[in-house]
C-alpha atoms as a PDB file:
ATOM      1  CA  MET A   1      -5.995 -21.083  13.379  1.00  0.00           C
ATOM      2  CA  LYS A   2      -5.447 -17.521  14.533  1.00  0.00           C
ATOM      3  CA  THR A   3      -7.170 -14.921  12.382  1.00  0.00           C
ATOM      4  CA  TRP A   4      -7.675 -11.157  12.427  1.00  0.00           C
ATOM      5  CA  MET A   5     -10.128  -9.177  10.311  1.00  0.00           C
ATOM      6  CA  SER A   6     -10.785  -5.648   9.161  1.00  0.00           C
ATOM      7  CA  THR A   7     -12.798  -2.969  10.910  1.00  0.00           C
ATOM      8  CA  LYS A   8     -12.612   0.805  10.569  1.00  0.00           C
ATOM      9  CA  SER A   9     -10.503   0.880  13.733  1.00  0.00           C
ATOM     10  CA  TYR A  10      -7.787  -1.305  12.239  1.00  0.00           C
ATOM     11  CA  GLY A  11      -4.565   0.639  11.840  1.00  0.00           C
ATOM     12  CA  THR A  12      -2.741  -0.825   8.885  1.00  0.00           C
ATOM     13  CA  ALA A  13       0.008   0.866   7.018  1.00  0.00           C
ATOM     14  CA  ILE A  14       1.358   2.823   3.788  1.00  0.00           C
ATOM     15  CA  ALA A  15       1.095   2.435   0.701  1.00  0.00           C
ATOM     16  CA  GLY A  16       3.353   4.199  -1.155  1.00  0.00           C
ATOM     17  CA  LEU A  17       3.070   1.121  -2.882  1.00  0.00           C
ATOM     18  CA  LEU A  18       5.903  -0.386  -4.789  1.00  0.00           C
ATOM     19  CA  ALA A  19       4.161  -2.092  -7.696  1.00  0.00           C
ATOM     20  CA  LEU A  20       5.465  -5.613  -8.157  1.00  0.00           C
ATOM     21  CA  GLY A  21       3.439  -7.245 -10.933  1.00  0.00           C
ATOM     22  CA  MET A  22       0.543  -6.605 -13.291  1.00  0.00           C
ATOM     23  CA  ILE A  23      -1.739  -8.709 -15.495  1.00  0.00           C
ATOM     24  CA  ILE A  24      -4.907  -7.595 -17.317  1.00  0.00           C
ATOM     25  CA  VAL A  25      -8.290  -8.804 -16.057  1.00  0.00           C
ATOM     26  CA  SER A  26     -10.344 -11.401 -17.905  1.00  0.00           C
ATOM     27  CA  GLY A  27     -13.935 -12.499 -17.517  1.00  0.00           C
ATOM     28  CA  GLY A  28     -16.548  -9.960 -16.424  1.00  0.00           C
ATOM     29  CA  ALA A  29     -16.923  -6.368 -17.545  1.00  0.00           C
ATOM     30  CA  SER A  30     -14.858  -4.856 -14.770  1.00  0.00           C
ATOM     31  CA  PRO A  31     -14.295  -1.071 -14.754  1.00  0.00           C
ATOM     32  CA  ALA A  32     -11.220  -0.184 -16.806  1.00  0.00           C
ATOM     33  CA  ALA A  33      -9.513   1.475 -13.828  1.00  0.00           C
ATOM     34  CA  ASN A  34      -9.632  -1.836 -11.940  1.00  0.00           C
ATOM     35  CA  ALA A  35      -8.520  -4.041 -14.812  1.00  0.00           C
ATOM     36  CA  THR A  36      -5.115  -4.680 -13.254  1.00  0.00           C
ATOM     37  CA  ALA A  37      -3.838  -5.993  -9.961  1.00  0.00           C
ATOM     38  CA  THR A  38      -0.404  -5.659  -8.389  1.00  0.00           C
ATOM     39  CA  ILE A  39       1.287  -7.190  -5.370  1.00  0.00           C
ATOM     40  CA  ALA A  40       2.906  -4.496  -3.199  1.00  0.00           C
ATOM     41  CA  TYR A  41       4.934  -4.433  -0.005  1.00  0.00           C
ATOM     42  CA  GLN A  42       2.802  -4.092   3.107  1.00  0.00           C
ATOM     43  CA  PRO A  43       3.890  -0.783   4.642  1.00  0.00           C
ATOM     44  CA  MET A  44       4.782  -2.043   8.116  1.00  0.00           C
ATOM     45  CA  THR A  45       7.015  -4.953   7.172  1.00  0.00           C
ATOM     46  CA  ASP A  46      10.113  -5.579   5.082  1.00  0.00           C
ATOM     47  CA  GLY A  47       9.766  -9.375   5.083  1.00  0.00           C
ATOM     48  CA  GLY A  48       6.303 -10.157   3.706  1.00  0.00           C
ATOM     49  CA  LEU A  49       7.728 -10.928   0.266  1.00  0.00           C
ATOM     50  CA  THR A  50      10.934 -12.599   1.474  1.00  0.00           C
ATOM     51  CA  ALA A  51      11.803 -16.234   0.792  1.00  0.00           C
ATOM     52  CA  GLY A  52      11.103 -18.504   3.767  1.00  0.00           C
ATOM     53  CA  LEU A  53       8.939 -15.969   5.638  1.00  0.00           C
ATOM     54  CA  PRO A  54       5.108 -15.808   5.889  1.00  0.00           C
ATOM     55  CA  PHE A  55       3.375 -14.028   3.021  1.00  0.00           C
ATOM     56  CA  GLU A  56       2.097 -10.547   3.875  1.00  0.00           C
ATOM     57  CA  ALA A  57       1.446  -7.925   1.221  1.00  0.00           C
ATOM     58  CA  TRP A  58      -1.085  -5.628  -0.405  1.00  0.00           C
ATOM     59  CA  ILE A  59      -3.105  -6.536  -3.478  1.00  0.00           C
ATOM     60  CA  VAL A  60      -3.685  -3.207  -5.238  1.00  0.00           C
ATOM     61  CA  PHE A  61      -6.402  -2.796  -7.862  1.00  0.00           C
ATOM     62  CA  GLY A  62      -6.024  -0.296 -10.677  1.00  0.00           C
ATOM     63  CA  ASP A  63      -5.284   3.394 -10.201  1.00  0.00           C
ATOM     64  CA  THR A  64      -4.407   4.762  -6.742  1.00  0.00           C
ATOM     65  CA  ASN A  65      -5.974   8.150  -7.581  1.00  0.00           C
ATOM     66  CA  PRO A  66      -9.005   8.412  -5.238  1.00  0.00           C
ATOM     67  CA  THR A  67     -11.003  10.273  -7.900  1.00  0.00           C
ATOM     68  CA  VAL A  68     -10.867   7.092 -10.012  1.00  0.00           C
ATOM     69  CA  PRO A  69     -13.560   4.697  -8.715  1.00  0.00           C
ATOM     70  CA  GLY A  70     -12.542   1.327  -7.349  1.00  0.00           C
ATOM     71  CA  TYR A  71     -14.757  -1.736  -7.054  1.00  0.00           C
ATOM     72  CA  ALA A  72     -18.351  -1.333  -5.924  1.00  0.00           C
ATOM     73  CA  LEU A  73     -19.344  -4.797  -4.707  1.00  0.00           C
ATOM     74  CA  PRO A  74     -22.698  -6.146  -3.505  1.00  0.00           C
ATOM     75  CA  ALA A  75     -23.293  -8.102  -0.324  1.00  0.00           C
ATOM     76  CA  GLY A  76     -22.596 -11.744  -1.070  1.00  0.00           C
ATOM     77  CA  ALA A  77     -19.736 -11.051  -3.468  1.00  0.00           C
ATOM     78  CA  SER A  78     -16.658 -13.205  -2.920  1.00  0.00           C
ATOM     79  CA  ILE A  79     -12.958 -12.663  -3.583  1.00  0.00           C
ATOM     80  CA  ARG A  80     -10.939 -15.853  -3.992  1.00  0.00           C
ATOM     81  CA  ILE A  81      -7.142 -15.552  -3.777  1.00  0.00           C
ATOM     82  CA  THR A  82      -5.219 -18.650  -4.884  1.00  0.00           C
ATOM     83  CA  PHE A  83      -1.487 -19.205  -4.388  1.00  0.00           C
ATOM     84  CA  PRO A  84       0.598 -21.534  -6.583  1.00  0.00           C
ATOM     85  CA  PRO A  85       1.859 -24.875  -5.189  1.00  0.00           C
ATOM     86  CA  ALA A  86       5.296 -23.423  -4.345  1.00  0.00           C
ATOM     87  CA  PHE A  87       3.721 -21.620  -1.356  1.00  0.00           C
ATOM     88  CA  ILE A  88       3.565 -24.019   1.611  1.00  0.00           C
ATOM     89  CA  PRO A  89       0.699 -23.633   4.144  1.00  0.00           C
ATOM     90  CA  GLU A  90       1.687 -23.922   7.809  1.00  0.00           C
ATOM     91  CA  SER A  91      -0.858 -24.500  10.549  1.00  0.00           C
ATOM     92  CA  GLY A  92      -1.137 -22.084  13.470  1.00  0.00           C
ATOM     93  CA  ALA A  93       0.228 -19.007  11.711  1.00  0.00           C
ATOM     94  CA  MET A  94      -1.501 -15.636  12.033  1.00  0.00           C
ATOM     95  CA  GLN A  95      -3.804 -14.880   9.105  1.00  0.00           C
ATOM     96  CA  GLY A  96      -5.936 -11.897   8.245  1.00  0.00           C
ATOM     97  CA  VAL A  97      -7.457  -9.486   5.781  1.00  0.00           C
ATOM     98  CA  VAL A  98      -8.082  -5.742   5.673  1.00  0.00           C
ATOM     99  CA  LEU A  99     -10.160  -4.193   2.883  1.00  0.00           C
ATOM    100  CA  LEU A 100      -8.897  -0.747   1.934  1.00  0.00           C
ATOM    101  CA  TYR A 101      -9.882   2.338  -0.029  1.00  0.00           C
ATOM    102  CA  GLY A 102      -6.336   2.445  -1.377  1.00  0.00           C
ATOM    103  CA  TRP A 103      -4.336   4.134   1.385  1.00  0.00           C
ATOM    104  CA  PRO A 104      -3.157   3.100   4.862  1.00  0.00           C
ATOM    105  CA  GLN A 105      -4.904   3.632   8.183  1.00  0.00           C
ATOM    106  CA  ASN A 106      -8.416   3.754   6.684  1.00  0.00           C
ATOM    107  CA  ALA A 107     -10.071   0.351   6.384  1.00  0.00           C
ATOM    108  CA  ILE A 108     -13.451  -0.139   4.714  1.00  0.00           C
ATOM    109  CA  ASP A 109     -16.083  -0.556   7.423  1.00  0.00           C
ATOM    110  CA  VAL A 110     -18.002  -3.458   5.893  1.00  0.00           C
ATOM    111  CA  PRO A 111     -18.485  -6.863   7.569  1.00  0.00           C
ATOM    112  CA  PHE A 112     -17.082  -9.896   5.811  1.00  0.00           C
ATOM    113  CA  SER A 113     -15.955 -13.455   6.440  1.00  0.00           C
ATOM    114  CA  PHE A 114     -12.505 -14.819   5.693  1.00  0.00           C
ATOM    115  CA  ALA A 115     -11.605 -18.508   5.513  1.00  0.00           C
ATOM    116  CA  LYS A 116      -9.662 -21.053   3.540  1.00  0.00           C
ATOM    117  CA  ASP A 117     -11.429 -23.061   0.883  1.00  0.00           C
ATOM    118  CA  PRO A 118     -11.834 -26.500   2.534  1.00  0.00           C
ATOM    119  CA  ALA A 119     -11.053 -28.109  -0.821  1.00  0.00           C
ATOM    120  CA  ASP A 120      -7.899 -26.086  -1.467  1.00  0.00           C
ATOM    121  CA  PRO A 121      -5.593 -25.010   1.391  1.00  0.00           C
ATOM    122  CA  ARG A 122      -3.882 -22.439  -0.880  1.00  0.00           C
ATOM    123  CA  THR A 123      -7.097 -20.523  -1.622  1.00  0.00           C
ATOM    124  CA  MET A 124      -8.345 -17.753   0.689  1.00  0.00           C
ATOM    125  CA  VAL A 125     -12.000 -16.731   0.365  1.00  0.00           C
ATOM    126  CA  ILE A 126     -13.354 -13.311   1.390  1.00  0.00           C
ATOM    127  CA  THR A 127     -17.160 -13.042   1.351  1.00  0.00           C
ATOM    128  CA  LEU A 128     -18.862  -9.692   1.876  1.00  0.00           C
ATOM    129  CA  LYS A 129     -21.755  -9.544   4.330  1.00  0.00           C
ATOM    130  CA  GLY A 130     -22.540  -5.965   3.336  1.00  0.00           C
ATOM    131  CA  PRO A 131     -22.050  -3.899   0.172  1.00  0.00           C
ATOM    132  CA  ILE A 132     -19.053  -1.731  -0.693  1.00  0.00           C
ATOM    133  CA  ALA A 133     -20.386   1.473  -2.270  1.00  0.00           C
ATOM    134  CA  LEU A 134     -18.729   4.280  -4.216  1.00  0.00           C
ATOM    135  CA  ARG A 135     -18.970   7.533  -2.253  1.00  0.00           C
ATOM    136  CA  GLY A 136     -16.544   9.863  -3.990  1.00  0.00           C
ATOM    137  CA  PRO A 137     -12.809  10.352  -3.330  1.00  0.00           C
ATOM    138  CA  ALA A 138     -13.156   9.840   0.437  1.00  0.00           C
ATOM    139  CA  GLN A 139     -14.622   6.356  -0.088  1.00  0.00           C
ATOM    140  CA  PRO A 140     -13.792   5.337  -3.662  1.00  0.00           C
ATOM    141  CA  GLY A 141     -14.665   1.651  -3.303  1.00  0.00           C
ATOM    142  CA  LEU A 142     -12.365  -1.340  -2.889  1.00  0.00           C
ATOM    143  CA  LYS A 143      -8.903  -0.472  -4.187  1.00  0.00           C
ATOM    144  CA  ALA A 144      -6.588  -2.642  -2.103  1.00  0.00           C
ATOM    145  CA  ILE A 145      -6.485  -5.695   0.172  1.00  0.00           C
ATOM    146  CA  HIS A 146      -3.968  -6.172   2.960  1.00  0.00           C
ATOM    147  CA  LEU A 147      -3.485  -9.943   3.122  1.00  0.00           C
ATOM    148  CA  ARG A 148      -1.518 -12.061   5.563  1.00  0.00           C
ATOM    149  CA  THR A 149      -1.660 -15.825   5.134  1.00  0.00           C
ATOM    150  CA  ASP A 150      -0.125 -18.923   6.669  1.00  0.00           C
ATOM    151  CA  GLU A 151       1.686 -19.637   3.399  1.00  0.00           C
ATOM    152  CA  ARG A 152       5.450 -19.731   3.701  1.00  0.00           C
ATOM    153  CA  ASN A 153       7.054 -17.853   0.800  1.00  0.00           C
ATOM    154  CA  PRO A 154       9.006 -20.054  -1.635  1.00  0.00           C
ATOM    155  CA  ALA A 155      12.493 -19.473  -3.024  1.00  0.00           C
ATOM    156  CA  ALA A 156      13.226 -16.145  -4.660  1.00  0.00           C
ATOM    157  CA  GLY A 157      11.435 -15.709  -7.971  1.00  0.00           C
ATOM    158  CA  ASP A 158       8.227 -14.548  -9.625  1.00  0.00           C
ATOM    159  CA  TYR A 159       4.966 -16.316  -8.777  1.00  0.00           C
ATOM    160  CA  PRO A 160       1.468 -15.703 -10.195  1.00  0.00           C
ATOM    161  CA  ILE A 161      -1.414 -15.303  -7.726  1.00  0.00           C
ATOM    162  CA  LYS A 162      -4.958 -15.694  -9.056  1.00  0.00           C
ATOM    163  CA  ILE A 163      -7.685 -13.327  -7.849  1.00  0.00           C
ATOM    164  CA  GLU A 164     -11.311 -14.138  -8.683  1.00  0.00           C
ATOM    165  CA  LEU A 165     -14.284 -11.831  -8.084  1.00  0.00           C
ATOM    166  CA  LEU A 166     -17.484 -13.894  -7.930  1.00  0.00           C
ATOM    167  CA  ASN A 167     -21.141 -12.862  -7.590  1.00  0.00           C
ATOM    168  CA  ALA A 168     -19.899  -9.308  -8.121  1.00  0.00           C
ATOM    169  CA  GLY A 169     -22.115  -8.241 -11.008  1.00  0.00           C
ATOM    170  CA  SER A 170     -20.245  -6.442 -13.774  1.00  0.00           C
ATOM    171  CA  SER A 171     -17.074  -6.571 -11.681  1.00  0.00           C
ATOM    172  CA  SER A 172     -16.973 -10.379 -11.719  1.00  0.00           C
ATOM    173  CA  GLY A 173     -13.883 -11.767 -13.384  1.00  0.00           C
ATOM    174  CA  THR A 174     -10.386 -13.124 -12.883  1.00  0.00           C
ATOM    175  CA  LEU A 175      -7.114 -11.266 -12.447  1.00  0.00           C
ATOM    176  CA  GLU A 176      -3.580 -12.448 -11.990  1.00  0.00           C
ATOM    177  CA  ALA A 177      -0.891 -10.574 -10.067  1.00  0.00           C
ATOM    178  CA  VAL A 178       2.769 -11.491  -9.765  1.00  0.00           C
ATOM    179  CA  ALA A 179       4.462 -11.763  -6.372  1.00  0.00           C
ATOM    180  CA  HIS A 180       8.173 -11.011  -6.671  1.00  0.00           C
ATOM    181  CA  ILE A 181       9.794 -12.958  -3.820  1.00  0.00           C
ATOM    182  CA  SER A 182      13.220 -11.678  -2.778  1.00  0.00           C
ATOM    183  CA  PRO A 183      16.035 -13.762  -1.263  1.00  0.00           C
ATOM    184  CA  GLU A 184      16.469 -11.369   1.687  1.00  0.00           C
ATOM    185  CA  ARG A 185      14.450  -8.717   3.517  1.00  0.00           C
ATOM    186  CA  VAL A 186      14.200  -5.459   1.572  1.00  0.00           C
ATOM    187  CA  PRO A 187      14.370  -2.116   3.461  1.00  0.00           C
ATOM    188  CA  ASN A 188      10.917  -0.613   3.050  1.00  0.00           C
ATOM    189  CA  ILE A 189       9.749   3.004   2.861  1.00  0.00           C
ATOM    190  CA  ALA A 190       6.019   3.613   2.627  1.00  0.00           C
ATOM    191  CA  GLN A 191       3.326   6.227   2.947  1.00  0.00           C
ATOM    192  CA  PHE A 192       1.904   5.801   6.435  1.00  0.00           C
ATOM    193  CA  ASN A 193      -0.824   8.379   7.238  1.00  0.00           C
ATOM    194  CA  GLN A 194      -0.305   7.737  10.949  1.00  0.00           C
ATOM    195  CA  LEU A 195      -0.243  11.386  11.995  1.00  0.00           C
ATOM    196  CA  HIS A 196      -3.526  12.503  10.399  1.00  0.00           C
ATOM    197  CA  ASN A 197      -6.172   9.988  11.477  1.00  0.00           C
ATOM    198  CA  GLY A 198      -5.875   7.958   8.301  1.00  0.00           C
ATOM    199  CA  ARG A 199      -6.549  10.814   5.867  1.00  0.00           C
ATOM    200  CA  ASP A 200      -4.909  10.226   2.494  1.00  0.00           C
ATOM    201  CA  GLU A 201      -1.729  12.287   2.067  1.00  0.00           C
ATOM    202  CA  ASP A 202      -1.348  11.288  -1.578  1.00  0.00           C
ATOM    203  CA  TRP A 203      -3.022  13.121  -4.488  1.00  0.00           C
ATOM    204  CA  GLN A 204      -3.322  16.441  -2.660  1.00  0.00           C
ATOM    205  CA  HIS A 205      -4.549  19.515  -4.553  1.00  0.00           C
ATOM    206  CA  LEU A 206      -2.814  22.872  -3.929  1.00  0.00           C
ATOM    207  CA  GLN A 207      -3.075  26.363  -5.300  1.00  0.00           C
ATOM    208  CA  PRO A 208       0.124  28.134  -6.433  1.00  0.00           C
ATOM    209  CA  GLY A 209       2.140  29.286  -3.424  1.00  0.00           C
ATOM    210  CA  GLN A 210       0.044  27.199  -1.035  1.00  0.00           C
ATOM    211  CA  MET A 211       1.210  24.629   1.525  1.00  0.00           C
ATOM    212  CA  ALA A 212      -0.432  21.209   1.330  1.00  0.00           C
ATOM    213  CA  ARG A 213      -3.236  20.680   3.814  1.00  0.00           C
ATOM    214  CA  LEU A 214      -1.551  17.552   5.190  1.00  0.00           C
ATOM    215  CA  PRO A 215       2.168  17.037   5.771  1.00  0.00           C
ATOM    216  CA  VAL A 216       3.413  13.670   4.528  1.00  0.00           C
ATOM    217  CA  ASP A 217       4.579  11.031   6.971  1.00  0.00           C
ATOM    218  CA  LEU A 218       6.555   8.015   5.820  1.00  0.00           C
ATOM    219  CA  LEU A 219       7.400   4.808   7.670  1.00  0.00           C
ATOM    220  CA  ILE A 220      10.840   3.260   7.253  1.00  0.00           C
ATOM    221  CA  THR A 221      11.334  -0.406   8.200  1.00  0.00           C
ATOM    222  CA  ARG A 222      14.813  -1.967   8.308  1.00  0.00           C
ATOM    223  CA  SER A 223      14.638  -5.153  10.371  1.00  0.00           C
ATOM    224  CA  ASP A 224      18.251  -6.091   9.676  1.00  0.00           C
ATOM    225  CA  ALA A 225      19.634  -2.699  10.797  1.00  0.00           C
ATOM    226  CA  PRO A 226      20.050  -1.406  14.359  1.00  0.00           C
ATOM    227  CA  ARG A 227      17.262   0.894  15.539  1.00  0.00           C
ATOM    228  CA  ALA A 228      18.252   4.438  14.629  1.00  0.00           C
ATOM    229  CA  THR A 229      17.027   7.991  14.998  1.00  0.00           C
ATOM    230  CA  LEU A 230      15.803   9.084  11.570  1.00  0.00           C
ATOM    231  CA  VAL A 231      15.765  12.660  10.292  1.00  0.00           C
ATOM    232  CA  LEU A 232      15.332  14.414   6.955  1.00  0.00           C
ATOM    233  CA  ALA A 233      18.136  16.738   5.801  1.00  0.00           C
ATOM    234  CA  ARG A 234      17.610  19.371   3.118  1.00  0.00           C
ATOM    235  CA  ARG A 235      19.985  19.386   0.157  1.00  0.00           C
ATOM    236  CA  SER A 236      21.126  22.342  -1.913  1.00  0.00           C
ATOM    237  CA  ASP A 237      19.218  21.019  -4.951  1.00  0.00           C
ATOM    238  CA  GLY A 238      15.924  21.086  -3.037  1.00  0.00           C
ATOM    239  CA  GLY A 239      15.741  17.373  -2.370  1.00  0.00           C
ATOM    240  CA  LEU A 240      15.900  15.655   1.011  1.00  0.00           C
ATOM    241  CA  ASN A 241      18.197  12.987   2.363  1.00  0.00           C
ATOM    242  CA  VAL A 242      16.873  10.322   4.712  1.00  0.00           C
ATOM    243  CA  VAL A 243      19.474  10.079   7.463  1.00  0.00           C
ATOM    244  CA  ALA A 244      19.812   7.351  10.103  1.00  0.00           C
ATOM    245  CA  ASP A 245      22.116   8.263  13.004  1.00  0.00           C
ATOM    246  CA  GLY A 246      24.050  10.614  10.721  1.00  0.00           C
ATOM    247  CA  LYS A 247      24.294   8.240   7.747  1.00  0.00           C
ATOM    248  CA  PRO A 248      22.294   8.879   4.538  1.00  0.00           C
ATOM    249  CA  ILE A 249      20.171   5.841   3.679  1.00  0.00           C
ATOM    250  CA  GLY A 250      17.766   7.253   1.097  1.00  0.00           C
ATOM    251  CA  THR A 251      16.398  10.257  -0.760  1.00  0.00           C
ATOM    252  CA  ILE A 252      13.163  12.184  -1.326  1.00  0.00           C
ATOM    253  CA  GLU A 253      12.936  14.170  -4.570  1.00  0.00           C
ATOM    254  CA  SER A 254      10.224  15.864  -6.612  1.00  0.00           C
ATOM    255  CA  ARG A 255       9.750  16.068 -10.354  1.00  0.00           C
ATOM    256  CA  GLY A 256       7.254  17.928 -12.500  1.00  0.00           C
ATOM    257  CA  VAL A 257       6.099  21.420 -11.540  1.00  0.00           C
ATOM    258  CA  PRO A 258       8.324  22.974  -8.832  1.00  0.00           C
ATOM    259  CA  LEU A 259       7.670  22.088  -5.197  1.00  0.00           C
ATOM    260  CA  THR A 260       9.507  22.909  -1.986  1.00  0.00           C
ATOM    261  CA  LEU A 261       9.852  20.065   0.512  1.00  0.00           C
ATOM    262  CA  VAL A 262      10.365  21.136   4.133  1.00  0.00           C
ATOM    263  CA  PRO A 263      11.289  18.591   6.852  1.00  0.00           C
ATOM    264  CA  GLN A 264       8.869  18.622   9.753  1.00  0.00           C
ATOM    265  CA  PRO A 265      10.591  17.949  13.086  1.00  0.00           C
ATOM    266  CA  PHE A 266       8.860  16.156  15.915  1.00  0.00           C
ATOM    267  CA  GLY A 267       9.829  14.341  19.097  1.00  0.00           C
ATOM    268  CA  PRO A 268      12.424  11.572  19.172  1.00  0.00           C
ATOM    269  CA  GLY A 269       9.750   8.935  19.829  1.00  0.00           C
ATOM    270  CA  PHE A 270       8.401   9.009  16.287  1.00  0.00           C
ATOM    271  CA  ALA A 271      11.903   9.312  14.818  1.00  0.00           C
ATOM    272  CA  ARG A 272      13.028   6.204  16.714  1.00  0.00           C
ATOM    273  CA  LEU A 273       9.951   4.346  15.444  1.00  0.00           C
ATOM    274  CA  GLY A 274      11.023   4.965  11.867  1.00  0.00           C
ATOM    275  CA  ILE A 275       8.651   7.818  10.988  1.00  0.00           C
ATOM    276  CA  VAL A 276       9.757  10.924   9.076  1.00  0.00           C
ATOM    277  CA  SER A 277       7.585  13.819   7.920  1.00  0.00           C
ATOM    278  CA  PHE A 278       7.762  16.783   5.550  1.00  0.00           C
ATOM    279  CA  GLU A 279       5.594  19.643   4.312  1.00  0.00           C
ATOM    280  CA  ILE A 280       4.817  20.293   0.645  1.00  0.00           C
ATOM    281  CA  HIS A 281       4.808  23.879  -0.647  1.00  0.00           C
ATOM    282  CA  ALA A 282       3.671  24.639  -4.203  1.00  0.00           C
ATOM    283  CA  GLY A 283       5.524  27.025  -6.484  1.00  0.00           C
ATOM    284  CA  SER A 284       3.916  29.432  -8.944  1.00  0.00           C
ATOM    285  CA  THR A 285       3.440  26.941 -11.805  1.00  0.00           C
ATOM    286  CA  VAL A 286       0.262  24.902 -12.195  1.00  0.00           C
ATOM    287  CA  GLY A 287       0.428  21.269 -13.214  1.00  0.00           C
ATOM    288  CA  MET A 288       1.303  17.825 -11.903  1.00  0.00           C
ATOM    289  CA  ALA A 289       4.224  16.848  -9.674  1.00  0.00           C
ATOM    290  CA  GLU A 290       5.431  13.584  -8.211  1.00  0.00           C
ATOM    291  CA  ILE A 291       7.482  13.040  -5.073  1.00  0.00           C
ATOM    292  CA  GLU A 292       9.573   9.885  -4.984  1.00  0.00           C
ATOM    293  CA  ALA A 293      10.969   8.583  -1.696  1.00  0.00           C
ATOM    294  CA  LYS A 294      13.394   5.669  -1.913  1.00  0.00           C
ATOM    295  CA  LEU A 295      15.821   3.783   0.267  1.00  0.00           C
ATOM    296  CA  ASP A 296      19.273   2.674  -0.831  1.00  0.00           C
ATOM    297  CA  GLY A 297      18.938  -0.985  -1.761  1.00  0.00           C
ATOM    298  CA  GLY A 298      15.253  -0.904  -0.845  1.00  0.00           C
ATOM    299  CA  THR A 299      11.784   0.057  -1.975  1.00  0.00           C
ATOM    300  CA  SER A 300      10.422   3.354  -3.213  1.00  0.00           C
ATOM    301  CA  THR A 301       7.067   5.098  -2.966  1.00  0.00           C
ATOM    302  CA  THR A 302       5.604   7.881  -5.114  1.00  0.00           C
ATOM    303  CA  LEU A 303       3.189  10.626  -4.034  1.00  0.00           C
ATOM    304  CA  HIS A 304       1.240  12.804  -6.438  1.00  0.00           C
ATOM    305  CA  VAL A 305       0.538  16.539  -6.139  1.00  0.00           C
ATOM    306  CA  ILE A 306      -1.757  18.636  -8.331  1.00  0.00           C
ATOM    307  CA  VAL A 307      -1.142  22.396  -8.388  1.00  0.00           C
ATOM    308  CA  GLU A 308      -4.136  24.246  -9.833  1.00  0.00           C
ATOM    309  CA  HIS A 309      -5.951  27.580  -9.695  1.00  0.00           C
END
């Protein structure tokens, strides 16, 4: 069995995270912010939740805001992830896990083991060999898991996945998240953080009239479409169009307090790899804003901006 595991050097992808299912936690006294789990598209693939293809997705816990603590887990804690019988294990497929603070390109640097339960081939077991601590917004605890398994996705439909936290103190308990399996690949747009050494581009704080410290970069994956040069085109209403070889394929728009979105050009290499980038400029009004990027017939991702004095 081929397996890969998480280290701080692992470069995983977005999360702009399209939420795909949510059930409330039962069991232990888990923090309220972590009392839900969702299954989300893994940023670098458009087929991880497609019928007949290997399962690869993110499990996202609670609130993506980094000021909201995630799970603090002791060494020895285990996370058991159990798939329903409709998922068919296949020997020899690549498997792996990355533990995340909640955004791409920044794995949690804690050793752990990852293996199947010998008594149940549909259950994956992650066991921590070191603790995951809460260290403020830069390291807010466990908030997501990037999981790839040797399960082959079943026919299109909704399937519950059980997530158990064991030997985890007050965080011990059971959650259930729903995997929405699609009949075909779904064009995917996701927050990527590739251009800024894994620093989180979501939930940025700006003063009125200020430009955000980090431009946003998004990854667009369309396996069923020819490789194209992607650019962002400004619209008269202040929004942006995502354009592939001259053809609009999606939009980026803000809502809430006024923002100005400015496309950031860079070399054709990144554009041909599916990466687009834009700057965020705050207006004069304080408050909350959201930026939604979405592809026609595909996924969407939402970024959050706080404008404050």
